[in-house]
């Protein structure tokens, strides 16, 4: 279901940008997720050949693809044989604000690689087996805190795990700093890019599954609300979340907090009731898409468009 929702979201965004003027068929997806569902779905769509588009992850290269902020300003253009017309191919810029599991440090640059087969795993088979009862309890709706078993990892094993974990180029939900200067520099470059986009005339920001817990992003959006041409739509998961967002953005007339009258706004509801686009749901996959390399749930999605 998660992959299907990513596919619907991606095709919806592409159908929207296809209707823009010839040399401006682009939109930005700012995400705080670390997973690779977007590239997985994009590969499937390109293979099917139903829609022509570019998913720009900001990387350039062949055997080694290096990430640079300036690459988000480029786009692919088609021209006639005699150069009598030009038209840009629909493009989505995929911008990972909090890093990605597909990033790694190469000297003073960020390398992007989607083949994780040669990556060293943080947890070996023995560690995964020890964590299985813990995972089972967490995924059982009937479990209580007393049902969650303790793990038997030694202090040395925990220290070794954290040493490896802290080398991953991601921002933790409660810790807003990278452990490498090169990642931190890219993070602030992407925040500047978000700021520039929100300052444009007739800019639209749609947030889904995002709590604005990152104070850097929250403050940036708050400053951008002085742009009279900016319209922000905050999609809230529940009524409680709606009340929280209403209080957070009170006094800003160009912010609309959306919620469902009944139920919660999960990824499926967002695609079907908020960002609904008939042409997008019609593009059903011809064959099943294989599972994502990194398992995710609907609650993990935090894209900013």
C-alpha atoms as a PDB file:
ATOM      1  CA  UNK A   1       0.000   0.000   0.000  1.00  0.00           C
ATOM      2  CA  UNK A   2       2.843   2.404   0.804  1.00  0.00           C
ATOM      3  CA  UNK A   3       4.433   1.967  -2.640  1.00  0.00           C
ATOM      4  CA  UNK A   4       1.027   2.417  -4.293  1.00  0.00           C
ATOM      5  CA  UNK A   5       0.544   5.685  -2.403  1.00  0.00           C
ATOM      6  CA  UNK A   6       3.967   6.954  -3.428  1.00  0.00           C
ATOM      7  CA  UNK A   7       3.098   6.131  -7.023  1.00  0.00           C
ATOM      8  CA  UNK A   8      -0.218   7.999  -6.846  1.00  0.00           C
ATOM      9  CA  UNK A   9       1.464  11.000  -5.248  1.00  0.00           C
ATOM     10  CA  UNK A  10       4.242  11.089  -7.844  1.00  0.00           C
ATOM     11  CA  UNK A  11       1.903  10.769 -10.834  1.00  0.00           C
ATOM     12  CA  UNK A  12      -0.397  13.432  -9.381  1.00  0.00           C
ATOM     13  CA  UNK A  13       2.481  15.888  -9.073  1.00  0.00           C
ATOM     14  CA  UNK A  14       3.589  15.114 -12.629  1.00  0.00           C
ATOM     15  CA  UNK A  15       0.085  15.584 -14.045  1.00  0.00           C
ATOM     16  CA  UNK A  16      -0.054  18.978 -12.355  1.00  0.00           C
ATOM     17  CA  UNK A  17       3.291  20.259 -13.634  1.00  0.00           C
ATOM     18  CA  UNK A  18       2.496  19.054 -17.167  1.00  0.00           C
ATOM     19  CA  UNK A  19      -0.103  21.821 -17.338  1.00  0.00           C
ATOM     20  CA  UNK A  20       2.366  24.593 -16.615  1.00  0.00           C
ATOM     21  CA  UNK A  21       3.984  26.691 -19.324  1.00  0.00           C
ATOM     22  CA  UNK A  22       6.477  25.026 -21.633  1.00  0.00           C
ATOM     23  CA  UNK A  23       9.732  25.948 -19.866  1.00  0.00           C
ATOM     24  CA  UNK A  24       8.522  25.828 -16.272  1.00  0.00           C
ATOM     25  CA  UNK A  25       7.263  22.299 -15.724  1.00  0.00           C
ATOM     26  CA  UNK A  26       8.941  21.694 -12.410  1.00  0.00           C
ATOM     27  CA  UNK A  27       8.005  21.282  -8.771  1.00  0.00           C
ATOM     28  CA  UNK A  28       9.981  20.623  -5.614  1.00  0.00           C
ATOM     29  CA  UNK A  29       9.415  17.820  -3.122  1.00  0.00           C
ATOM     30  CA  UNK A  30      11.167  18.640   0.138  1.00  0.00           C
ATOM     31  CA  UNK A  31      11.185  15.528   2.307  1.00  0.00           C
ATOM     32  CA  UNK A  32      12.530  14.766   5.763  1.00  0.00           C
ATOM     33  CA  UNK A  33      12.354  11.018   5.047  1.00  0.00           C
ATOM     34  CA  UNK A  34      15.523   8.986   4.616  1.00  0.00           C
ATOM     35  CA  UNK A  35      14.052   6.165   2.504  1.00  0.00           C
ATOM     36  CA  UNK A  36      14.194   5.549  -1.238  1.00  0.00           C
ATOM     37  CA  UNK A  37      10.548   4.995  -2.190  1.00  0.00           C
ATOM     38  CA  UNK A  38      10.530   7.883  -4.672  1.00  0.00           C
ATOM     39  CA  UNK A  39      13.427   6.496  -6.783  1.00  0.00           C
ATOM     40  CA  UNK A  40      11.870   3.018  -6.652  1.00  0.00           C
ATOM     41  CA  UNK A  41       8.524   4.250  -7.986  1.00  0.00           C
ATOM     42  CA  UNK A  42      10.195   6.571 -10.512  1.00  0.00           C
ATOM     43  CA  UNK A  43      12.148   3.639 -11.966  1.00  0.00           C
ATOM     44  CA  UNK A  44       8.924   1.645 -12.346  1.00  0.00           C
ATOM     45  CA  UNK A  45       7.135   4.534 -14.098  1.00  0.00           C
ATOM     46  CA  UNK A  46      10.033   5.137 -16.478  1.00  0.00           C
ATOM     47  CA  UNK A  47      10.228   1.424 -17.315  1.00  0.00           C
ATOM     48  CA  UNK A  48       6.508   1.348 -18.139  1.00  0.00           C
ATOM     49  CA  UNK A  49       6.904   4.345 -20.458  1.00  0.00           C
ATOM     50  CA  UNK A  50       3.479   5.798 -19.619  1.00  0.00           C
ATOM     51  CA  UNK A  51       4.826   9.230 -18.726  1.00  0.00           C
ATOM     52  CA  UNK A  52       8.005  11.095 -19.624  1.00  0.00           C
ATOM     53  CA  UNK A  53       9.602  12.888 -16.678  1.00  0.00           C
ATOM     54  CA  UNK A  54      12.777  13.548 -14.713  1.00  0.00           C
ATOM     55  CA  UNK A  55      13.287  12.858 -11.013  1.00  0.00           C
ATOM     56  CA  UNK A  56      16.185  15.128 -10.095  1.00  0.00           C
ATOM     57  CA  UNK A  57      17.940  14.100  -6.873  1.00  0.00           C
ATOM     58  CA  UNK A  58      20.624  16.774  -7.251  1.00  0.00           C
ATOM     59  CA  UNK A  59      23.380  14.313  -8.148  1.00  0.00           C
ATOM     60  CA  UNK A  60      25.527  14.201 -11.275  1.00  0.00           C
ATOM     61  CA  UNK A  61      28.045  11.633 -12.463  1.00  0.00           C
ATOM     62  CA  UNK A  62      28.304   8.108 -13.819  1.00  0.00           C
ATOM     63  CA  UNK A  63      30.111   5.517 -11.701  1.00  0.00           C
ATOM     64  CA  UNK A  64      30.206   8.059  -8.876  1.00  0.00           C
ATOM     65  CA  UNK A  65      27.270  10.448  -8.573  1.00  0.00           C
ATOM     66  CA  UNK A  66      28.066  13.542  -6.529  1.00  0.00           C
ATOM     67  CA  UNK A  67      25.424  15.734  -4.890  1.00  0.00           C
ATOM     68  CA  UNK A  68      25.530  19.493  -5.490  1.00  0.00           C
ATOM     69  CA  UNK A  69      22.889  22.061  -4.575  1.00  0.00           C
ATOM     70  CA  UNK A  70      23.246  23.900  -7.890  1.00  0.00           C
ATOM     71  CA  UNK A  71      21.944  20.846  -9.783  1.00  0.00           C
ATOM     72  CA  UNK A  72      18.420  21.526  -8.538  1.00  0.00           C
ATOM     73  CA  UNK A  73      18.355  24.603 -10.774  1.00  0.00           C
ATOM     74  CA  UNK A  74      18.869  22.609 -13.974  1.00  0.00           C
ATOM     75  CA  UNK A  75      16.245  20.927 -16.128  1.00  0.00           C
ATOM     76  CA  UNK A  76      16.040  18.783 -19.250  1.00  0.00           C
ATOM     77  CA  UNK A  77      14.649  20.431 -22.368  1.00  0.00           C
ATOM     78  CA  UNK A  78      13.422  18.922 -25.634  1.00  0.00           C
ATOM     79  CA  UNK A  79      13.914  20.814 -28.890  1.00  0.00           C
ATOM     80  CA  UNK A  80      12.652  20.317 -32.416  1.00  0.00           C
ATOM     81  CA  UNK A  81      14.946  18.953 -35.113  1.00  0.00           C
ATOM     82  CA  UNK A  82      15.466  22.428 -36.536  1.00  0.00           C
ATOM     83  CA  UNK A  83      15.370  24.206 -33.186  1.00  0.00           C
ATOM     84  CA  UNK A  84      12.021  25.842 -33.894  1.00  0.00           C
ATOM     85  CA  UNK A  85      10.554  25.002 -30.494  1.00  0.00           C
ATOM     86  CA  UNK A  86      11.630  24.014 -27.008  1.00  0.00           C
ATOM     87  CA  UNK A  87       9.722  22.287 -24.251  1.00  0.00           C
ATOM     88  CA  UNK A  88      10.895  21.185 -20.822  1.00  0.00           C
ATOM     89  CA  UNK A  89      10.220  17.633 -19.664  1.00  0.00           C
ATOM     90  CA  UNK A  90       8.118  17.475 -16.468  1.00  0.00           C
ATOM     91  CA  UNK A  91      10.533  17.389 -13.562  1.00  0.00           C
ATOM     92  CA  UNK A  92      10.364  16.813  -9.822  1.00  0.00           C
ATOM     93  CA  UNK A  93      13.266  17.960  -7.678  1.00  0.00           C
ATOM     94  CA  UNK A  94      13.640  15.492  -4.803  1.00  0.00           C
ATOM     95  CA  UNK A  95      15.297  17.327  -1.919  1.00  0.00           C
ATOM     96  CA  UNK A  96      16.224  15.399   1.227  1.00  0.00           C
ATOM     97  CA  UNK A  97      16.366  18.021   3.964  1.00  0.00           C
ATOM     98  CA  UNK A  98      17.392  15.583   6.694  1.00  0.00           C
ATOM     99  CA  UNK A  99      19.736  13.433   4.637  1.00  0.00           C
ATOM    100  CA  UNK A 100      19.310  10.030   3.036  1.00  0.00           C
ATOM    101  CA  UNK A 101      20.364   6.428   3.610  1.00  0.00           C
ATOM    102  CA  UNK A 102      21.739   6.560   0.064  1.00  0.00           C
ATOM    103  CA  UNK A 103      24.254   9.278   0.889  1.00  0.00           C
ATOM    104  CA  UNK A 104      27.846   8.737   1.910  1.00  0.00           C
ATOM    105  CA  UNK A 105      30.847  10.978   2.393  1.00  0.00           C
ATOM    106  CA  UNK A 106      33.561  10.915  -0.266  1.00  0.00           C
ATOM    107  CA  UNK A 107      36.425  13.229   0.656  1.00  0.00           C
ATOM    108  CA  UNK A 108      34.774  16.681   0.905  1.00  0.00           C
ATOM    109  CA  UNK A 109      31.675  15.783  -1.131  1.00  0.00           C
ATOM    110  CA  UNK A 110      28.431  13.817  -0.790  1.00  0.00           C
ATOM    111  CA  UNK A 111      28.121  10.707  -2.936  1.00  0.00           C
ATOM    112  CA  UNK A 112      24.704   9.282  -3.861  1.00  0.00           C
ATOM    113  CA  UNK A 113      24.429   5.543  -4.475  1.00  0.00           C
ATOM    114  CA  UNK A 114      21.210   3.509  -4.615  1.00  0.00           C
ATOM    115  CA  UNK A 115      22.891   0.095  -4.505  1.00  0.00           C
ATOM    116  CA  UNK A 116      23.033  -0.872  -0.836  1.00  0.00           C
ATOM    117  CA  UNK A 117      24.201  -4.448  -1.422  1.00  0.00           C
ATOM    118  CA  UNK A 118      27.790  -3.590  -0.507  1.00  0.00           C
ATOM    119  CA  UNK A 119      26.898  -1.388   2.465  1.00  0.00           C
ATOM    120  CA  UNK A 120      27.785  -2.666   5.914  1.00  0.00           C
ATOM    121  CA  UNK A 121      24.636  -3.303   7.936  1.00  0.00           C
ATOM    122  CA  UNK A 122      24.222  -1.637  11.309  1.00  0.00           C
ATOM    123  CA  UNK A 123      22.724  -4.844  12.719  1.00  0.00           C
ATOM    124  CA  UNK A 124      23.930  -8.368  12.028  1.00  0.00           C
ATOM    125  CA  UNK A 125      21.728 -11.469  11.990  1.00  0.00           C
ATOM    126  CA  UNK A 126      22.238 -12.156  15.701  1.00  0.00           C
ATOM    127  CA  UNK A 127      21.227  -8.606  16.634  1.00  0.00           C
ATOM    128  CA  UNK A 128      18.121  -8.798  14.446  1.00  0.00           C
ATOM    129  CA  UNK A 129      17.112 -12.066  16.116  1.00  0.00           C
ATOM    130  CA  UNK A 130      17.507 -10.488  19.563  1.00  0.00           C
ATOM    131  CA  UNK A 131      15.314  -7.550  18.511  1.00  0.00           C
ATOM    132  CA  UNK A 132      12.523  -9.686  17.037  1.00  0.00           C
ATOM    133  CA  UNK A 133      10.501 -10.035  20.295  1.00  0.00           C
ATOM    134  CA  UNK A 134      10.886  -6.290  20.824  1.00  0.00           C
ATOM    135  CA  UNK A 135       9.566  -5.564  17.308  1.00  0.00           C
ATOM    136  CA  UNK A 136       6.685  -8.000  17.737  1.00  0.00           C
ATOM    137  CA  UNK A 137       5.553  -6.243  20.902  1.00  0.00           C
ATOM    138  CA  UNK A 138       5.788  -2.803  19.303  1.00  0.00           C
ATOM    139  CA  UNK A 139       3.674  -3.791  16.293  1.00  0.00           C
ATOM    140  CA  UNK A 140       0.971  -5.479  18.387  1.00  0.00           C
ATOM    141  CA  UNK A 141      -1.868  -2.982  19.081  1.00  0.00           C
ATOM    142  CA  UNK A 142      -2.813  -4.909  22.219  1.00  0.00           C
ATOM    143  CA  UNK A 143       0.660  -4.654  23.771  1.00  0.00           C
ATOM    144  CA  UNK A 144       1.294  -2.519  26.821  1.00  0.00           C
ATOM    145  CA  UNK A 145       4.545  -1.122  28.164  1.00  0.00           C
ATOM    146  CA  UNK A 146       4.988  -4.162  30.393  1.00  0.00           C
ATOM    147  CA  UNK A 147       4.833  -6.422  27.314  1.00  0.00           C
ATOM    148  CA  UNK A 148       7.904  -4.812  25.745  1.00  0.00           C
ATOM    149  CA  UNK A 149      10.853  -7.098  26.533  1.00  0.00           C
ATOM    150  CA  UNK A 150      14.272  -5.843  27.512  1.00  0.00           C
ATOM    151  CA  UNK A 151      17.156  -6.470  25.129  1.00  0.00           C
ATOM    152  CA  UNK A 152      20.320  -8.255  26.184  1.00  0.00           C
ATOM    153  CA  UNK A 153      22.874  -6.148  24.349  1.00  0.00           C
ATOM    154  CA  UNK A 154      26.111  -5.541  26.188  1.00  0.00           C
ATOM    155  CA  UNK A 155      27.441  -2.053  26.758  1.00  0.00           C
ATOM    156  CA  UNK A 156      30.239  -2.710  24.255  1.00  0.00           C
ATOM    157  CA  UNK A 157      27.699  -3.728  21.590  1.00  0.00           C
ATOM    158  CA  UNK A 158      25.634  -0.602  22.205  1.00  0.00           C
ATOM    159  CA  UNK A 159      28.696   1.649  21.981  1.00  0.00           C
ATOM    160  CA  UNK A 160      29.769  -0.035  18.729  1.00  0.00           C
ATOM    161  CA  UNK A 161      26.266   0.426  17.281  1.00  0.00           C
ATOM    162  CA  UNK A 162      26.137   4.133  18.114  1.00  0.00           C
ATOM    163  CA  UNK A 163      29.607   4.669  16.659  1.00  0.00           C
ATOM    164  CA  UNK A 164      28.329   3.297  13.333  1.00  0.00           C
ATOM    165  CA  UNK A 165      24.958   5.022  13.556  1.00  0.00           C
ATOM    166  CA  UNK A 166      26.455   8.457  14.081  1.00  0.00           C
ATOM    167  CA  UNK A 167      28.297   8.146  10.763  1.00  0.00           C
ATOM    168  CA  UNK A 168      25.009   7.963   8.834  1.00  0.00           C
ATOM    169  CA  UNK A 169      24.334  11.314   7.102  1.00  0.00           C
ATOM    170  CA  UNK A 170      20.903  11.968   8.595  1.00  0.00           C
ATOM    171  CA  UNK A 171      19.372  14.450  11.015  1.00  0.00           C
ATOM    172  CA  UNK A 172      17.753  12.724  13.979  1.00  0.00           C
ATOM    173  CA  UNK A 173      14.221  13.855  14.961  1.00  0.00           C
ATOM    174  CA  UNK A 174      15.513  15.359  18.202  1.00  0.00           C
ATOM    175  CA  UNK A 175      19.042  16.316  17.212  1.00  0.00           C
ATOM    176  CA  UNK A 176      19.401  18.892  14.462  1.00  0.00           C
ATOM    177  CA  UNK A 177      23.070  18.568  13.639  1.00  0.00           C
ATOM    178  CA  UNK A 178      25.039  16.395  11.285  1.00  0.00           C
ATOM    179  CA  UNK A 179      28.279  14.846  12.425  1.00  0.00           C
ATOM    180  CA  UNK A 180      30.109  15.954   9.271  1.00  0.00           C
ATOM    181  CA  UNK A 181      30.537  19.541   8.105  1.00  0.00           C
ATOM    182  CA  UNK A 182      29.835  18.611   4.471  1.00  0.00           C
ATOM    183  CA  UNK A 183      26.344  17.321   5.383  1.00  0.00           C
ATOM    184  CA  UNK A 184      25.569  20.306   7.577  1.00  0.00           C
ATOM    185  CA  UNK A 185      26.568  22.686   4.771  1.00  0.00           C
ATOM    186  CA  UNK A 186      24.245  20.922   2.320  1.00  0.00           C
ATOM    187  CA  UNK A 187      21.417  20.996   4.887  1.00  0.00           C
ATOM    188  CA  UNK A 188      21.570  24.778   5.162  1.00  0.00           C
ATOM    189  CA  UNK A 189      21.899  25.133   1.386  1.00  0.00           C
ATOM    190  CA  UNK A 190      18.637  23.204   1.015  1.00  0.00           C
ATOM    191  CA  UNK A 191      16.982  25.397   3.637  1.00  0.00           C
ATOM    192  CA  UNK A 192      18.014  28.433   1.600  1.00  0.00           C
ATOM    193  CA  UNK A 193      16.541  26.801  -1.504  1.00  0.00           C
ATOM    194  CA  UNK A 194      13.253  26.266   0.344  1.00  0.00           C
ATOM    195  CA  UNK A 195      13.323  29.894   1.451  1.00  0.00           C
ATOM    196  CA  UNK A 196      13.914  31.116  -2.116  1.00  0.00           C
ATOM    197  CA  UNK A 197      11.009  29.019  -3.419  1.00  0.00           C
ATOM    198  CA  UNK A 198       8.628  30.381  -0.776  1.00  0.00           C
ATOM    199  CA  UNK A 199       9.546  33.961  -1.659  1.00  0.00           C
ATOM    200  CA  UNK A 200       8.446  33.550  -5.286  1.00  0.00           C
ATOM    201  CA  UNK A 201       5.191  35.118  -6.527  1.00  0.00           C
ATOM    202  CA  UNK A 202       2.184  32.778  -6.373  1.00  0.00           C
ATOM    203  CA  UNK A 203       4.156  30.144  -4.445  1.00  0.00           C
ATOM    204  CA  UNK A 204       2.219  27.226  -2.956  1.00  0.00           C
ATOM    205  CA  UNK A 205       3.446  25.035  -0.088  1.00  0.00           C
ATOM    206  CA  UNK A 206       1.595  21.832   0.790  1.00  0.00           C
ATOM    207  CA  UNK A 207       2.720  19.923   3.867  1.00  0.00           C
ATOM    208  CA  UNK A 208       1.658  16.411   4.768  1.00  0.00           C
ATOM    209  CA  UNK A 209       2.734  14.259   7.705  1.00  0.00           C
ATOM    210  CA  UNK A 210       4.988  17.053   8.930  1.00  0.00           C
ATOM    211  CA  UNK A 211       4.804  18.293  12.520  1.00  0.00           C
ATOM    212  CA  UNK A 212       7.114  21.316  12.093  1.00  0.00           C
ATOM    213  CA  UNK A 213       9.237  19.929  14.936  1.00  0.00           C
ATOM    214  CA  UNK A 214      12.340  21.085  13.041  1.00  0.00           C
ATOM    215  CA  UNK A 215      12.581  24.634  14.335  1.00  0.00           C
ATOM    216  CA  UNK A 216      14.792  25.706  11.436  1.00  0.00           C
ATOM    217  CA  UNK A 217      12.060  24.784   8.947  1.00  0.00           C
ATOM    218  CA  UNK A 218       9.300  26.224  11.136  1.00  0.00           C
ATOM    219  CA  UNK A 219      11.053  29.578  11.512  1.00  0.00           C
ATOM    220  CA  UNK A 220      11.822  29.677   7.788  1.00  0.00           C
ATOM    221  CA  UNK A 221       8.165  29.109   6.870  1.00  0.00           C
ATOM    222  CA  UNK A 222       7.030  31.685   9.431  1.00  0.00           C
ATOM    223  CA  UNK A 223       9.321  34.318   7.913  1.00  0.00           C
ATOM    224  CA  UNK A 224       8.122  33.463   4.406  1.00  0.00           C
ATOM    225  CA  UNK A 225       4.480  34.085   5.354  1.00  0.00           C
ATOM    226  CA  UNK A 226       5.156  37.796   4.896  1.00  0.00           C
ATOM    227  CA  UNK A 227       5.064  37.034   1.154  1.00  0.00           C
ATOM    228  CA  UNK A 228       1.475  37.994   0.190  1.00  0.00           C
ATOM    229  CA  UNK A 229       1.648  35.718  -2.850  1.00  0.00           C
ATOM    230  CA  UNK A 230       2.419  32.606  -0.784  1.00  0.00           C
ATOM    231  CA  UNK A 231      -0.357  30.151   0.069  1.00  0.00           C
ATOM    232  CA  UNK A 232       0.323  27.370   2.606  1.00  0.00           C
ATOM    233  CA  UNK A 233      -1.860  24.288   3.088  1.00  0.00           C
ATOM    234  CA  UNK A 234      -1.078  22.265   6.218  1.00  0.00           C
ATOM    235  CA  UNK A 235      -2.611  18.784   6.047  1.00  0.00           C
ATOM    236  CA  UNK A 236      -3.281  17.505   9.572  1.00  0.00           C
ATOM    237  CA  UNK A 237      -3.405  13.833  10.514  1.00  0.00           C
ATOM    238  CA  UNK A 238      -6.109  14.180  13.174  1.00  0.00           C
ATOM    239  CA  UNK A 239      -8.378  16.715  14.851  1.00  0.00           C
ATOM    240  CA  UNK A 240      -5.863  17.065  17.686  1.00  0.00           C
ATOM    241  CA  UNK A 241      -3.133  17.788  15.160  1.00  0.00           C
ATOM    242  CA  UNK A 242      -5.398  20.300  13.440  1.00  0.00           C
ATOM    243  CA  UNK A 243      -5.905  22.207  16.690  1.00  0.00           C
ATOM    244  CA  UNK A 244      -2.146  22.241  17.273  1.00  0.00           C
ATOM    245  CA  UNK A 245      -1.394  23.580  13.792  1.00  0.00           C
ATOM    246  CA  UNK A 246      -4.168  26.181  14.031  1.00  0.00           C
ATOM    247  CA  UNK A 247      -2.570  27.474  17.210  1.00  0.00           C
ATOM    248  CA  UNK A 248       0.913  27.399  15.702  1.00  0.00           C
ATOM    249  CA  UNK A 249      -0.083  29.432  12.624  1.00  0.00           C
ATOM    250  CA  UNK A 250      -2.772  31.635  14.163  1.00  0.00           C
ATOM    251  CA  UNK A 251      -2.953  35.135  12.732  1.00  0.00           C
ATOM    252  CA  UNK A 252      -1.609  34.115   9.302  1.00  0.00           C
ATOM    253  CA  UNK A 253      -4.344  34.517   6.711  1.00  0.00           C
ATOM    254  CA  UNK A 254      -2.374  32.748   3.975  1.00  0.00           C
ATOM    255  CA  UNK A 255      -2.238  29.465   5.941  1.00  0.00           C
ATOM    256  CA  UNK A 256      -5.072  26.934   5.748  1.00  0.00           C
ATOM    257  CA  UNK A 257      -5.003  23.919   8.075  1.00  0.00           C
ATOM    258  CA  UNK A 258      -6.898  20.982   6.567  1.00  0.00           C
ATOM    259  CA  UNK A 259      -8.386  17.931   8.287  1.00  0.00           C
ATOM    260  CA  UNK A 260     -10.947  15.242   7.549  1.00  0.00           C
ATOM    261  CA  UNK A 261     -14.358  15.436   9.183  1.00  0.00           C
ATOM    262  CA  UNK A 262     -14.102  11.773  10.133  1.00  0.00           C
ATOM    263  CA  UNK A 263     -11.129   9.458  10.435  1.00  0.00           C
ATOM    264  CA  UNK A 264      -7.470  10.342  10.076  1.00  0.00           C
ATOM    265  CA  UNK A 265      -5.593  11.736   7.106  1.00  0.00           C
ATOM    266  CA  UNK A 266      -3.159   8.954   6.280  1.00  0.00           C
ATOM    267  CA  UNK A 267      -1.296   8.702   2.971  1.00  0.00           C
ATOM    268  CA  UNK A 268      -4.231   7.042   1.201  1.00  0.00           C
ATOM    269  CA  UNK A 269      -6.727   9.650   2.399  1.00  0.00           C
ATOM    270  CA  UNK A 270      -4.356  12.452   1.410  1.00  0.00           C
ATOM    271  CA  UNK A 271      -4.102  11.124  -2.150  1.00  0.00           C
ATOM    272  CA  UNK A 272      -7.815  10.373  -2.516  1.00  0.00           C
ATOM    273  CA  UNK A 273      -9.427  13.320  -0.728  1.00  0.00           C
ATOM    274  CA  UNK A 274      -6.922  16.186  -0.701  1.00  0.00           C
ATOM    275  CA  UNK A 275      -4.497  15.948  -3.619  1.00  0.00           C
ATOM    276  CA  UNK A 276      -6.974  14.037  -5.771  1.00  0.00           C
ATOM    277  CA  UNK A 277      -6.309  14.060  -9.515  1.00  0.00           C
ATOM    278  CA  UNK A 278      -8.319  11.688 -11.776  1.00  0.00           C
ATOM    279  CA  UNK A 279      -5.561  11.216 -14.340  1.00  0.00           C
ATOM    280  CA  UNK A 280      -3.052  10.106 -11.710  1.00  0.00           C
ATOM    281  CA  UNK A 281      -5.031   7.192 -10.273  1.00  0.00           C
ATOM    282  CA  UNK A 282      -5.700   5.926 -13.795  1.00  0.00           C
ATOM    283  CA  UNK A 283      -1.996   5.159 -14.274  1.00  0.00           C
ATOM    284  CA  UNK A 284      -2.092   1.793 -12.513  1.00  0.00           C
ATOM    285  CA  UNK A 285       1.079  -0.331 -12.621  1.00  0.00           C
ATOM    286  CA  UNK A 286       1.133  -3.003 -15.303  1.00  0.00           C
ATOM    287  CA  UNK A 287       3.074  -5.370 -13.021  1.00  0.00           C
ATOM    288  CA  UNK A 288       3.537  -5.425  -9.242  1.00  0.00           C
ATOM    289  CA  UNK A 289       6.317  -3.179  -7.969  1.00  0.00           C
ATOM    290  CA  UNK A 290       8.892  -4.988  -5.797  1.00  0.00           C
ATOM    291  CA  UNK A 291       9.100  -3.969  -2.125  1.00  0.00           C
ATOM    292  CA  UNK A 292      11.209  -0.987  -1.149  1.00  0.00           C
ATOM    293  CA  UNK A 293      14.802  -1.522  -0.076  1.00  0.00           C
ATOM    294  CA  UNK A 294      14.044   0.242   3.218  1.00  0.00           C
ATOM    295  CA  UNK A 295      10.696  -0.733   4.809  1.00  0.00           C
ATOM    296  CA  UNK A 296       8.527   2.269   5.617  1.00  0.00           C
ATOM    297  CA  UNK A 297       4.995   2.878   6.840  1.00  0.00           C
ATOM    298  CA  UNK A 298       2.441   5.499   5.926  1.00  0.00           C
ATOM    299  CA  UNK A 299       3.271   7.378   9.116  1.00  0.00           C
ATOM    300  CA  UNK A 300       6.882   7.786   7.934  1.00  0.00           C
ATOM    301  CA  UNK A 301       5.996  10.060   5.048  1.00  0.00           C
ATOM    302  CA  UNK A 302       6.865  13.712   5.648  1.00  0.00           C
ATOM    303  CA  UNK A 303       7.070  15.405   2.272  1.00  0.00           C
ATOM    304  CA  UNK A 304       7.020  19.142   1.767  1.00  0.00           C
ATOM    305  CA  UNK A 305       6.033  20.156  -1.738  1.00  0.00           C
END
